[in-house]
Amino acid sequence: MGEEQRRSDRLASWLHATYLIDGGKTVNTLTRNASEGGIALFTERPFDTGTSLRIEIRFHDHKPVTFTGEVRWSRPLVLQGTDQVPRAFETGVRFVDISPEAKKLVMLYTVLTPPPAPAT
């Protein structure tokens, strides 16, 4: 989804999460960013648009938040200027089935735990 199509601002985040894939395998991951409408997370493979994912976000001092999301896009992560085979993907997921309280908690922790500043 292009920048101009976004309905809300995205906030960078590094929240611990898991997602379920075929056969019920749980994969550990991190979120990249979050907004009122959804999250982006790192995945081990690309997903087709429209794929439903069950995602759990974990917090240090709070119960986990579990929700269902729909994949909006998925793209490979590769170093620019290289022909390497991607080993990870970034996947954008729209919130589908999430309680208002859970969404509020995700946004709160996104604001409180921004990614670390780059080393200088």
Protein backbone atom coordinates (compact mmCIF):
# COMPACT_ATOMS: atom_id res chain seq x y z
CA MET A 1 0.00 0.00 0.00
CA GLY A 2 1.49 3.33 -0.99
CA GLU A 3 2.22 6.15 1.41
CA GLU A 4 -0.63 8.25 0.02
CA GLN A 5 -3.17 5.47 0.72
CA ARG A 6 -2.46 5.20 4.44
CA ARG A 7 -5.33 6.20 6.65
CA SER A 8 -3.28 6.73 9.81
CA ASP A 9 0.29 7.47 10.83
CA ARG A 10 2.68 4.58 11.36
CA LEU A 11 4.82 4.47 14.48
CA ALA A 12 8.08 2.51 14.45
CA SER A 13 8.16 -0.28 17.02
CA TRP A 14 10.01 -3.41 18.07
CA LEU A 15 7.35 -5.44 19.85
CA HIS A 16 7.82 -9.19 20.33
CA ALA A 17 5.21 -11.22 18.50
CA THR A 18 4.37 -14.66 17.15
CA TYR A 19 2.26 -15.71 14.21
CA LEU A 20 0.75 -19.05 13.24
CA ILE A 21 1.39 -20.60 9.85
CA ASP A 22 0.31 -23.78 8.05
CA GLY A 23 0.02 -26.78 10.33
CA GLY A 24 -0.13 -24.64 13.46
CA LYS A 25 3.60 -23.84 13.57
CA THR A 26 4.32 -20.78 15.74
CA VAL A 27 7.00 -18.40 14.48
CA ASN A 28 8.68 -15.80 16.72
CA THR A 29 9.14 -12.36 15.19
CA LEU A 30 9.24 -8.60 15.79
CA THR A 31 6.89 -5.89 14.64
CA ARG A 32 8.34 -3.09 12.52
CA ASN A 33 5.62 -0.53 12.98
CA ALA A 34 2.02 -0.13 14.06
CA SER A 35 -0.90 2.15 13.30
CA GLU A 36 -4.57 2.33 14.17
CA GLY A 37 -5.28 0.10 11.19
CA GLY A 38 -2.65 -2.62 11.54
CA ILE A 39 0.98 -3.61 11.93
CA ALA A 40 3.98 -4.57 9.84
CA LEU A 41 6.05 -7.50 11.02
CA PHE A 42 8.98 -9.56 9.83
CA THR A 43 8.07 -13.01 8.47
CA GLU A 44 10.10 -15.99 7.33
CA ARG A 45 8.23 -16.24 4.02
CA PRO A 46 6.00 -14.06 1.84
CA PHE A 47 2.23 -14.26 2.24
CA ASP A 48 -0.44 -13.75 -0.40
CA THR A 49 -2.65 -10.68 -0.05
CA GLY A 50 -5.80 -11.64 1.84
CA THR A 51 -4.15 -14.41 3.90
CA SER A 52 -5.52 -14.53 7.44
CA LEU A 53 -2.90 -14.66 10.22
CA ARG A 54 -3.38 -15.27 13.94
CA ILE A 55 -0.91 -12.98 15.72
CA GLU A 56 0.06 -12.63 19.36
CA ILE A 57 1.99 -9.62 20.68
CA ARG A 58 3.80 -10.11 23.98
CA PHE A 59 4.63 -7.48 26.57
CA HIS A 60 7.01 -7.63 29.56
CA ASP A 61 4.48 -6.55 32.15
CA HIS A 62 1.11 -7.30 30.58
CA LYS A 63 -0.88 -10.23 29.25
CA PRO A 64 -0.33 -10.96 25.54
CA VAL A 65 -2.70 -9.55 22.94
CA THR A 66 -4.01 -12.01 20.34
CA PHE A 67 -5.84 -10.98 17.18
CA THR A 68 -6.59 -11.98 13.62
CA GLY A 69 -5.21 -9.90 10.79
CA GLU A 70 -5.38 -9.90 7.01
CA VAL A 71 -2.21 -9.64 4.92
CA ARG A 72 -2.28 -6.49 2.78
CA TRP A 73 1.21 -6.84 1.28
CA SER A 74 4.42 -8.84 1.69
CA ARG A 75 7.84 -7.98 0.28
CA PRO A 76 11.37 -9.42 0.52
CA LEU A 77 14.05 -7.85 2.68
CA VAL A 78 17.36 -7.76 0.82
CA LEU A 79 20.38 -5.50 0.91
CA GLN A 80 20.16 -2.88 -1.80
CA GLY A 81 22.46 -3.52 -4.72
CA THR A 82 22.77 -7.25 -4.08
CA ASP A 83 21.29 -10.27 -5.79
CA GLN A 84 21.01 -12.31 -2.61
CA VAL A 85 18.03 -14.57 -1.99
CA PRO A 86 15.79 -13.00 0.66
CA ARG A 87 15.83 -14.73 4.04
CA ALA A 88 13.13 -12.58 5.57
CA PHE A 89 10.10 -10.62 4.47
CA GLU A 90 8.23 -7.61 5.72
CA THR A 91 4.49 -8.18 5.84
CA GLY A 92 1.76 -5.59 6.36
CA VAL A 93 -1.28 -6.86 8.27
CA ARG A 94 -4.61 -5.08 8.69
CA PHE A 95 -6.41 -5.60 12.02
CA VAL A 96 -9.54 -7.69 11.43
CA ASP A 97 -10.58 -9.19 14.75
CA ILE A 98 -9.08 -7.22 17.65
CA SER A 99 -10.75 -5.77 20.70
CA PRO A 100 -10.59 -2.00 21.24
CA GLU A 101 -8.66 -2.62 24.49
CA ALA A 102 -6.09 -4.79 22.71
CA LYS A 103 -5.62 -2.23 19.93
CA LYS A 104 -5.15 0.52 22.52
CA LEU A 105 -2.52 -1.59 24.33
CA VAL A 106 -0.59 -2.24 21.10
CA MET A 107 -0.57 1.49 20.30
CA LEU A 108 0.45 2.42 23.86
CA TYR A 109 3.40 0.01 23.86
CA THR A 110 4.40 1.14 20.36
CA VAL A 111 4.73 4.70 21.66
CA LEU A 112 6.54 3.58 24.83
CA THR A 113 9.01 1.23 23.08
CA PRO A 114 10.30 2.91 19.93
CA PRO A 115 13.19 1.21 18.11
CA PRO A 116 16.70 2.08 19.30
CA ALA A 117 18.44 5.03 17.65
CA PRO A 118 21.08 4.07 15.06
CA ALA A 119 24.66 3.93 16.34
CA THR A 120 26.77 6.94 15.45
